Amino acid sequence: MTATITADQTVQEWGNGLGVRITAPIAKAARFARGLPIKVEVVEGGVFLRAVGKPQLTLAQKLKAFDPAVHGGEVMATGRVGAEVF
């Protein structure tokens, strides 16, 4: 049987709504990451959070993954046409 990870927290005001911080140990155990789409459901006795997709990459993450050797080069498969031909 897997041990349950718990954390005592307090609901805080967050802008016009309310929020609870998900601590790193709980996020890791739940496999939550920044940008992960979730569904929030009200269930008997509380609230249930469920992952519903893959994390959305930030621009910095996309740029870090960019490899000019793989993604670079000419877009057109044909030769040059138009004003760029001298």
N, C-alpha and C. Protein backbone atom coordinates (compact mmCIF):
# COMPACT_ATOMS: atom_id res chain seq x y z
N MET A 1 0.84 -1.18 0.00
CA MET A 1 0.00 0.00 0.00
C MET A 1 0.89 1.24 0.00
N THR A 2 0.56 2.22 -0.84
CA THR A 2 1.33 3.45 -0.95
C THR A 2 0.96 4.41 0.16
N ALA A 3 1.97 5.05 0.75
CA ALA A 3 1.73 6.03 1.80
C ALA A 3 1.04 7.25 1.22
N THR A 4 0.12 7.82 1.97
CA THR A 4 -0.59 9.02 1.55
C THR A 4 0.22 10.25 1.96
N ILE A 5 0.37 11.18 1.04
CA ILE A 5 1.06 12.43 1.33
C ILE A 5 0.00 13.47 1.64
N THR A 6 0.15 14.14 2.78
CA THR A 6 -0.82 15.16 3.17
C THR A 6 -0.10 16.45 3.54
N ALA A 7 -0.86 17.53 3.53
CA ALA A 7 -0.33 18.83 3.95
C ALA A 7 -1.49 19.65 4.51
N ASP A 8 -1.32 20.22 5.67
CA ASP A 8 -2.33 21.11 6.24
C ASP A 8 -2.09 22.50 5.68
N GLN A 9 -3.10 23.08 5.07
CA GLN A 9 -2.96 24.38 4.44
C GLN A 9 -4.19 25.23 4.74
N THR A 10 -4.11 26.50 4.37
CA THR A 10 -5.19 27.44 4.59
C THR A 10 -5.59 28.05 3.26
N VAL A 11 -6.88 28.17 3.04
CA VAL A 11 -7.38 28.84 1.84
C VAL A 11 -7.07 30.32 1.97
N GLN A 12 -6.47 30.90 0.94
CA GLN A 12 -6.06 32.31 0.95
C GLN A 12 -6.82 33.08 -0.12
N GLU A 13 -6.90 34.40 0.07
CA GLU A 13 -7.46 35.25 -0.96
C GLU A 13 -6.45 35.36 -2.08
N TRP A 14 -6.91 35.25 -3.34
CA TRP A 14 -6.03 35.33 -4.49
C TRP A 14 -6.76 36.12 -5.57
N GLY A 15 -6.47 37.41 -5.65
CA GLY A 15 -7.19 38.29 -6.57
C GLY A 15 -8.64 38.37 -6.16
N ASN A 16 -9.55 38.10 -7.09
CA ASN A 16 -10.98 38.12 -6.79
C ASN A 16 -11.49 36.76 -6.34
N GLY A 17 -10.60 35.78 -6.20
CA GLY A 17 -11.01 34.43 -5.85
C GLY A 17 -10.26 33.92 -4.64
N LEU A 18 -10.23 32.61 -4.51
CA LEU A 18 -9.53 31.95 -3.42
C LEU A 18 -8.51 30.98 -4.02
N GLY A 19 -7.47 30.68 -3.27
CA GLY A 19 -6.46 29.76 -3.76
C GLY A 19 -5.80 28.98 -2.65
N VAL A 20 -5.26 27.83 -3.01
CA VAL A 20 -4.48 26.98 -2.11
C VAL A 20 -3.20 26.63 -2.85
N ARG A 21 -2.07 26.80 -2.21
CA ARG A 21 -0.79 26.47 -2.83
C ARG A 21 -0.60 24.96 -2.79
N ILE A 22 -0.21 24.38 -3.92
CA ILE A 22 0.11 22.95 -3.97
C ILE A 22 1.61 22.85 -3.71
N THR A 23 1.99 22.25 -2.60
CA THR A 23 3.40 22.16 -2.22
C THR A 23 4.14 21.21 -3.16
N ALA A 24 5.46 21.37 -3.22
CA ALA A 24 6.29 20.57 -4.12
C ALA A 24 6.13 19.06 -3.90
N PRO A 25 6.14 18.56 -2.65
CA PRO A 25 5.99 17.10 -2.48
C PRO A 25 4.65 16.57 -3.00
N ILE A 26 3.59 17.36 -2.80
CA ILE A 26 2.27 16.92 -3.27
C ILE A 26 2.21 17.01 -4.79
N ALA A 27 2.75 18.09 -5.37
CA ALA A 27 2.76 18.24 -6.82
C ALA A 27 3.55 17.10 -7.47
N LYS A 28 4.68 16.74 -6.88
CA LYS A 28 5.50 15.66 -7.42
C LYS A 28 4.76 14.33 -7.35
N ALA A 29 4.13 14.06 -6.21
CA ALA A 29 3.40 12.80 -6.04
C ALA A 29 2.20 12.72 -6.99
N ALA A 30 1.56 13.86 -7.26
CA ALA A 30 0.40 13.90 -8.15
C ALA A 30 0.81 14.04 -9.62
N ARG A 31 2.12 14.20 -9.86
CA ARG A 31 2.66 14.43 -11.20
C ARG A 31 2.08 15.70 -11.82
N PHE A 32 1.93 16.73 -10.99
CA PHE A 32 1.49 18.04 -11.46
C PHE A 32 2.71 18.86 -11.84
N ALA A 33 2.62 19.64 -12.90
CA ALA A 33 3.69 20.53 -13.33
C ALA A 33 3.08 21.84 -13.81
N ARG A 34 3.90 22.87 -13.85
CA ARG A 34 3.44 24.17 -14.33
C ARG A 34 2.86 24.01 -15.74
N GLY A 35 1.70 24.58 -15.96
CA GLY A 35 1.06 24.54 -17.27
C GLY A 35 0.18 23.32 -17.51
N LEU A 36 0.08 22.43 -16.54
CA LEU A 36 -0.74 21.22 -16.68
C LEU A 36 -2.22 21.59 -16.63
N PRO A 37 -3.00 21.26 -17.66
CA PRO A 37 -4.43 21.52 -17.59
C PRO A 37 -5.08 20.56 -16.59
N ILE A 38 -5.94 21.10 -15.74
CA ILE A 38 -6.63 20.27 -14.75
C ILE A 38 -8.13 20.54 -14.79
N LYS A 39 -8.88 19.62 -14.23
CA LYS A 39 -10.32 19.79 -14.05
C LYS A 39 -10.55 19.84 -12.55
N VAL A 40 -11.33 20.80 -12.10
CA VAL A 40 -11.66 20.95 -10.68
C VAL A 40 -13.12 20.54 -10.51
N GLU A 41 -13.36 19.57 -9.65
CA GLU A 41 -14.72 19.08 -9.41
C GLU A 41 -15.07 19.22 -7.94
N VAL A 42 -16.29 19.62 -7.67
CA VAL A 42 -16.80 19.62 -6.31
C VAL A 42 -17.41 18.25 -6.07
N VAL A 43 -16.91 17.54 -5.07
CA VAL A 43 -17.42 16.22 -4.72
C VAL A 43 -17.91 16.24 -3.28
N GLU A 44 -18.61 15.21 -2.89
CA GLU A 44 -19.11 15.16 -1.53
C GLU A 44 -17.93 15.23 -0.56
N GLY A 45 -17.94 16.24 0.27
CA GLY A 45 -16.91 16.39 1.27
C GLY A 45 -15.69 17.20 0.84
N GLY A 46 -15.66 17.72 -0.39
CA GLY A 46 -14.49 18.49 -0.76
C GLY A 46 -14.38 18.81 -2.24
N VAL A 47 -13.15 18.96 -2.67
CA VAL A 47 -12.83 19.33 -4.05
C VAL A 47 -11.84 18.30 -4.58
N PHE A 48 -11.99 17.95 -5.86
CA PHE A 48 -11.13 16.95 -6.49
C PHE A 48 -10.46 17.58 -7.69
N LEU A 49 -9.13 17.47 -7.77
CA LEU A 49 -8.35 17.98 -8.90
C LEU A 49 -7.88 16.80 -9.74
N ARG A 50 -8.07 16.90 -11.07
CA ARG A 50 -7.68 15.81 -11.95
C ARG A 50 -6.95 16.38 -13.17
N ALA A 51 -5.81 15.79 -13.51
CA ALA A 51 -5.08 16.20 -14.72
C ALA A 51 -5.89 15.77 -15.93
N VAL A 52 -6.01 16.66 -16.94
CA VAL A 52 -6.81 16.34 -18.12
C VAL A 52 -6.02 16.51 -19.42
N GLY A 53 -4.72 16.60 -19.33
CA GLY A 53 -3.93 16.76 -20.54
C GLY A 53 -2.45 16.83 -20.21
N LYS A 54 -1.68 17.25 -21.19
CA LYS A 54 -0.25 17.40 -21.01
C LYS A 54 0.07 18.86 -20.71
N PRO A 55 1.16 19.11 -19.99
CA PRO A 55 1.52 20.50 -19.69
C PRO A 55 1.75 21.32 -20.96
N GLN A 56 1.32 22.58 -20.92
CA GLN A 56 1.57 23.52 -22.01
C GLN A 56 2.98 24.07 -21.83
N LEU A 57 3.78 24.03 -22.86
CA LEU A 57 5.15 24.52 -22.77
C LEU A 57 5.18 26.04 -22.82
N THR A 58 6.07 26.62 -22.04
CA THR A 58 6.28 28.07 -22.09
C THR A 58 7.15 28.38 -23.30
N LEU A 59 7.21 29.66 -23.68
CA LEU A 59 8.07 30.06 -24.79
C LEU A 59 9.52 29.70 -24.51
N ALA A 60 9.97 29.92 -23.27
CA ALA A 60 11.36 29.58 -22.90
C ALA A 60 11.62 28.09 -23.08
N GLN A 61 10.66 27.24 -22.70
CA GLN A 61 10.83 25.80 -22.86
C GLN A 61 10.86 25.40 -24.34
N LYS A 62 10.01 26.05 -25.15
CA LYS A 62 10.00 25.76 -26.58
C LYS A 62 11.32 26.17 -27.23
N LEU A 63 11.83 27.35 -26.86
CA LEU A 63 13.10 27.81 -27.43
C LEU A 63 14.26 26.92 -27.00
N LYS A 64 14.22 26.42 -25.75
CA LYS A 64 15.27 25.53 -25.27
C LYS A 64 15.27 24.22 -26.06
N ALA A 65 14.09 23.76 -26.46
CA ALA A 65 13.98 22.50 -27.21
C ALA A 65 14.30 22.67 -28.69
N PHE A 66 14.38 23.91 -29.17
CA PHE A 66 14.64 24.16 -30.60
C PHE A 66 16.05 23.74 -30.96
N ASP A 67 16.20 22.95 -32.00
CA ASP A 67 17.49 22.50 -32.50
C ASP A 67 17.60 22.92 -33.97
N PRO A 68 18.46 23.92 -34.28
CA PRO A 68 18.57 24.39 -35.67
C PRO A 68 18.91 23.28 -36.66
N ALA A 69 19.66 22.27 -36.22
CA ALA A 69 20.01 21.18 -37.12
C ALA A 69 18.78 20.37 -37.54
N VAL A 70 17.81 20.30 -36.65
CA VAL A 70 16.59 19.54 -36.93
C VAL A 70 15.51 20.45 -37.52
N HIS A 71 15.34 21.63 -36.94
CA HIS A 71 14.24 22.51 -37.30
C HIS A 71 14.62 23.64 -38.26
N GLY A 72 15.89 23.85 -38.48
CA GLY A 72 16.32 24.97 -39.31
C GLY A 72 16.31 24.66 -40.78
N GLY A 73 16.82 25.59 -41.57
CA GLY A 73 16.92 25.37 -43.01
C GLY A 73 15.77 26.01 -43.76
N GLU A 74 15.80 25.83 -45.06
CA GLU A 74 14.78 26.40 -45.93
C GLU A 74 13.45 25.70 -45.72
N VAL A 75 12.40 26.48 -45.78
CA VAL A 75 11.06 25.94 -45.64
C VAL A 75 10.58 25.34 -46.95
N MET A 76 10.93 26.01 -48.05
CA MET A 76 10.46 25.57 -49.37
C MET A 76 11.32 24.41 -49.87
N ALA A 77 10.68 23.38 -50.36
CA ALA A 77 11.41 22.22 -50.89
C ALA A 77 11.94 22.49 -52.29
N THR A 78 11.35 23.46 -52.99
CA THR A 78 11.78 23.76 -54.35
C THR A 78 12.87 24.83 -54.32
N GLY A 79 13.42 25.12 -55.47
CA GLY A 79 14.45 26.15 -55.56
C GLY A 79 13.88 27.55 -55.38
N ARG A 80 14.76 28.53 -55.43
CA ARG A 80 14.37 29.93 -55.25
C ARG A 80 13.54 30.39 -56.45
N VAL A 81 12.56 31.20 -56.15
CA VAL A 81 11.73 31.80 -57.21
C VAL A 81 11.46 33.25 -56.81
N GLY A 82 11.28 34.12 -57.79
CA GLY A 82 10.90 35.49 -57.47
C GLY A 82 12.08 36.41 -57.30
N ALA A 83 11.92 37.42 -56.45
CA ALA A 83 12.89 38.50 -56.30
C ALA A 83 14.19 38.05 -55.67
N GLU A 84 14.25 36.93 -54.97
CA GLU A 84 15.49 36.53 -54.32
C GLU A 84 16.50 35.94 -55.30
N VAL A 85 16.09 35.65 -56.55
CA VAL A 85 17.00 35.13 -57.56
C VAL A 85 17.72 36.30 -58.22
N PHE A 86 19.05 36.28 -58.26
CA PHE A 86 19.82 37.37 -58.85
C PHE A 86 20.27 37.03 -60.23
